């Protein structure tokens, strides 16, 4: 969540991987994308456009 707080704009899964110092490999990016989608489904994040995730505004 700190990645989204510091970003200030919606992020893609690849950018989240880069911010967390995770290796940029297709498997890693896909795993992060799936986790971001699950967080969006539970209301913790929102998907503003397809593939762009951010924290909801209070």
N, C-alpha and C. Protein backbone atom coordinates (compact mmCIF):
# COMPACT_ATOMS: atom_id res chain seq x y z
N UNK A 1 0.82 -1.19 0.00
CA UNK A 1 0.00 0.00 0.00
C UNK A 1 0.87 1.26 0.00
N UNK A 2 2.07 1.14 0.54
CA UNK A 2 2.96 2.30 0.58
C UNK A 2 3.35 2.73 -0.83
N UNK A 3 3.40 1.78 -1.74
CA UNK A 3 3.73 2.10 -3.14
C UNK A 3 2.68 3.03 -3.71
N UNK A 4 1.41 2.76 -3.44
CA UNK A 4 0.33 3.58 -3.97
C UNK A 4 0.25 4.93 -3.26
N UNK A 5 0.59 4.96 -1.99
CA UNK A 5 0.59 6.23 -1.25
C UNK A 5 1.65 7.17 -1.81
N UNK A 6 2.81 6.63 -2.11
CA UNK A 6 3.91 7.45 -2.62
C UNK A 6 3.73 7.83 -4.09
N UNK A 7 2.99 7.03 -4.83
CA UNK A 7 2.88 7.26 -6.28
C UNK A 7 2.09 8.51 -6.63
N UNK A 8 0.92 8.65 -6.09
CA UNK A 8 0.10 9.82 -6.40
C UNK A 8 -0.68 9.70 -7.69
N UNK A 9 -0.47 8.64 -8.45
CA UNK A 9 -1.23 8.39 -9.67
C UNK A 9 -1.41 6.89 -9.81
N UNK A 10 -2.35 6.44 -10.64
CA UNK A 10 -2.57 5.00 -10.82
C UNK A 10 -1.32 4.31 -11.36
N UNK A 11 -1.14 3.07 -10.95
CA UNK A 11 0.03 2.29 -11.35
C UNK A 11 -0.37 1.00 -12.04
N UNK A 12 0.48 0.56 -12.93
CA UNK A 12 0.32 -0.75 -13.55
C UNK A 12 1.12 -1.77 -12.75
N UNK A 13 0.86 -3.04 -12.97
CA UNK A 13 1.52 -4.11 -12.22
C UNK A 13 3.04 -4.04 -12.38
N UNK A 14 3.51 -3.73 -13.56
CA UNK A 14 4.96 -3.65 -13.79
C UNK A 14 5.58 -2.55 -12.93
N UNK A 15 4.92 -1.41 -12.83
CA UNK A 15 5.43 -0.30 -12.02
C UNK A 15 5.44 -0.68 -10.54
N UNK A 16 4.45 -1.45 -10.10
CA UNK A 16 4.41 -1.90 -8.71
C UNK A 16 5.59 -2.84 -8.46
N UNK A 17 5.88 -3.73 -9.39
CA UNK A 17 7.03 -4.62 -9.26
C UNK A 17 8.33 -3.83 -9.16
N UNK A 18 8.47 -2.83 -10.01
CA UNK A 18 9.68 -2.00 -9.97
C UNK A 18 9.81 -1.28 -8.64
N UNK A 19 8.71 -0.76 -8.12
CA UNK A 19 8.74 -0.03 -6.85
C UNK A 19 9.06 -0.95 -5.67
N UNK A 20 8.67 -2.22 -5.78
CA UNK A 20 8.93 -3.16 -4.70
C UNK A 20 10.22 -3.94 -4.91
N UNK A 21 10.99 -3.60 -5.93
CA UNK A 21 12.25 -4.29 -6.26
C UNK A 21 12.05 -5.77 -6.52
N UNK A 22 10.94 -6.10 -7.19
CA UNK A 22 10.67 -7.47 -7.61
C UNK A 22 11.19 -7.61 -9.04
N UNK A 23 11.76 -8.75 -9.33
CA UNK A 23 12.31 -9.00 -10.66
C UNK A 23 11.22 -8.81 -11.72
N UNK A 24 11.55 -8.10 -12.80
CA UNK A 24 10.59 -7.85 -13.86
C UNK A 24 10.62 -9.04 -14.83
N UNK A 25 9.87 -10.05 -14.47
CA UNK A 25 9.70 -11.24 -15.31
C UNK A 25 8.21 -11.43 -15.51
N UNK A 26 7.81 -12.01 -16.64
CA UNK A 26 6.38 -12.17 -16.90
C UNK A 26 5.61 -12.86 -15.77
N UNK A 27 6.19 -13.88 -15.17
CA UNK A 27 5.50 -14.58 -14.08
C UNK A 27 5.28 -13.67 -12.87
N UNK A 28 6.29 -12.89 -12.53
CA UNK A 28 6.19 -11.99 -11.38
C UNK A 28 5.16 -10.89 -11.64
N UNK A 29 5.19 -10.31 -12.83
CA UNK A 29 4.24 -9.25 -13.16
C UNK A 29 2.82 -9.79 -13.16
N UNK A 30 2.61 -10.98 -13.70
CA UNK A 30 1.27 -11.58 -13.71
C UNK A 30 0.78 -11.87 -12.30
N UNK A 31 1.67 -12.35 -11.43
CA UNK A 31 1.27 -12.62 -10.04
C UNK A 31 0.87 -11.33 -9.33
N UNK A 32 1.64 -10.26 -9.54
CA UNK A 32 1.30 -8.98 -8.93
C UNK A 32 -0.02 -8.48 -9.49
N UNK A 33 -0.24 -8.62 -10.79
CA UNK A 33 -1.49 -8.18 -11.42
C UNK A 33 -2.69 -8.91 -10.80
N UNK A 34 -2.56 -10.21 -10.60
CA UNK A 34 -3.64 -10.98 -9.99
C UNK A 34 -3.92 -10.52 -8.56
N UNK A 35 -2.86 -10.23 -7.81
CA UNK A 35 -3.05 -9.74 -6.44
C UNK A 35 -3.72 -8.37 -6.44
N UNK A 36 -3.32 -7.51 -7.38
CA UNK A 36 -3.94 -6.20 -7.47
C UNK A 36 -5.42 -6.32 -7.83
N UNK A 37 -5.76 -7.25 -8.72
CA UNK A 37 -7.17 -7.46 -9.09
C UNK A 37 -7.97 -7.95 -7.88
N UNK A 38 -7.39 -8.84 -7.07
CA UNK A 38 -8.07 -9.32 -5.87
C UNK A 38 -8.28 -8.19 -4.88
N UNK A 39 -7.29 -7.32 -4.73
CA UNK A 39 -7.44 -6.16 -3.84
C UNK A 39 -8.52 -5.21 -4.36
N UNK A 40 -8.62 -5.09 -5.66
CA UNK A 40 -9.66 -4.23 -6.25
C UNK A 40 -11.04 -4.84 -6.02
N UNK A 41 -11.16 -6.15 -6.13
CA UNK A 41 -12.44 -6.81 -5.90
C UNK A 41 -12.90 -6.67 -4.44
N UNK A 42 -11.95 -6.62 -3.52
CA UNK A 42 -12.31 -6.50 -2.11
C UNK A 42 -12.47 -5.05 -1.66
N UNK A 43 -12.21 -4.09 -2.56
CA UNK A 43 -12.44 -2.69 -2.26
C UNK A 43 -11.25 -1.95 -1.67
N UNK A 44 -10.12 -2.63 -1.53
CA UNK A 44 -8.93 -1.99 -0.98
C UNK A 44 -8.29 -1.06 -2.01
N UNK A 45 -8.31 -1.48 -3.27
CA UNK A 45 -7.84 -0.67 -4.40
C UNK A 45 -8.99 -0.49 -5.37
N UNK A 46 -8.83 0.42 -6.31
CA UNK A 46 -9.79 0.53 -7.41
C UNK A 46 -9.02 0.47 -8.73
N UNK A 47 -9.68 -0.06 -9.74
CA UNK A 47 -9.09 -0.15 -11.07
C UNK A 47 -9.72 0.97 -11.90
N UNK A 48 -8.97 2.07 -12.10
CA UNK A 48 -9.51 3.24 -12.79
C UNK A 48 -9.72 2.97 -14.27
N UNK A 49 -8.80 2.28 -14.88
CA UNK A 49 -8.89 1.80 -16.26
C UNK A 49 -8.37 0.38 -16.22
N UNK A 50 -8.51 -0.32 -17.32
CA UNK A 50 -8.02 -1.68 -17.35
C UNK A 50 -6.51 -1.70 -17.12
N UNK A 51 -6.09 -2.34 -16.03
CA UNK A 51 -4.67 -2.47 -15.73
C UNK A 51 -4.09 -1.34 -14.90
N UNK A 52 -4.86 -0.31 -14.58
CA UNK A 52 -4.38 0.81 -13.76
C UNK A 52 -5.05 0.75 -12.39
N UNK A 53 -4.24 0.68 -11.34
CA UNK A 53 -4.76 0.52 -9.99
C UNK A 53 -4.33 1.70 -9.13
N UNK A 54 -5.20 2.09 -8.21
CA UNK A 54 -4.91 3.15 -7.26
C UNK A 54 -5.72 2.95 -6.00
N UNK A 55 -5.40 3.73 -4.97
CA UNK A 55 -6.18 3.68 -3.74
C UNK A 55 -7.42 4.52 -3.91
N UNK A 56 -8.54 4.08 -3.32
CA UNK A 56 -9.76 4.91 -3.42
C UNK A 56 -9.61 6.19 -2.63
N UNK A 57 -10.22 7.24 -3.11
CA UNK A 57 -10.20 8.53 -2.42
C UNK A 57 -11.19 8.49 -1.26
N UNK A 58 -10.83 9.04 -0.10
CA UNK A 58 -11.75 9.02 1.04
C UNK A 58 -12.93 9.94 0.85
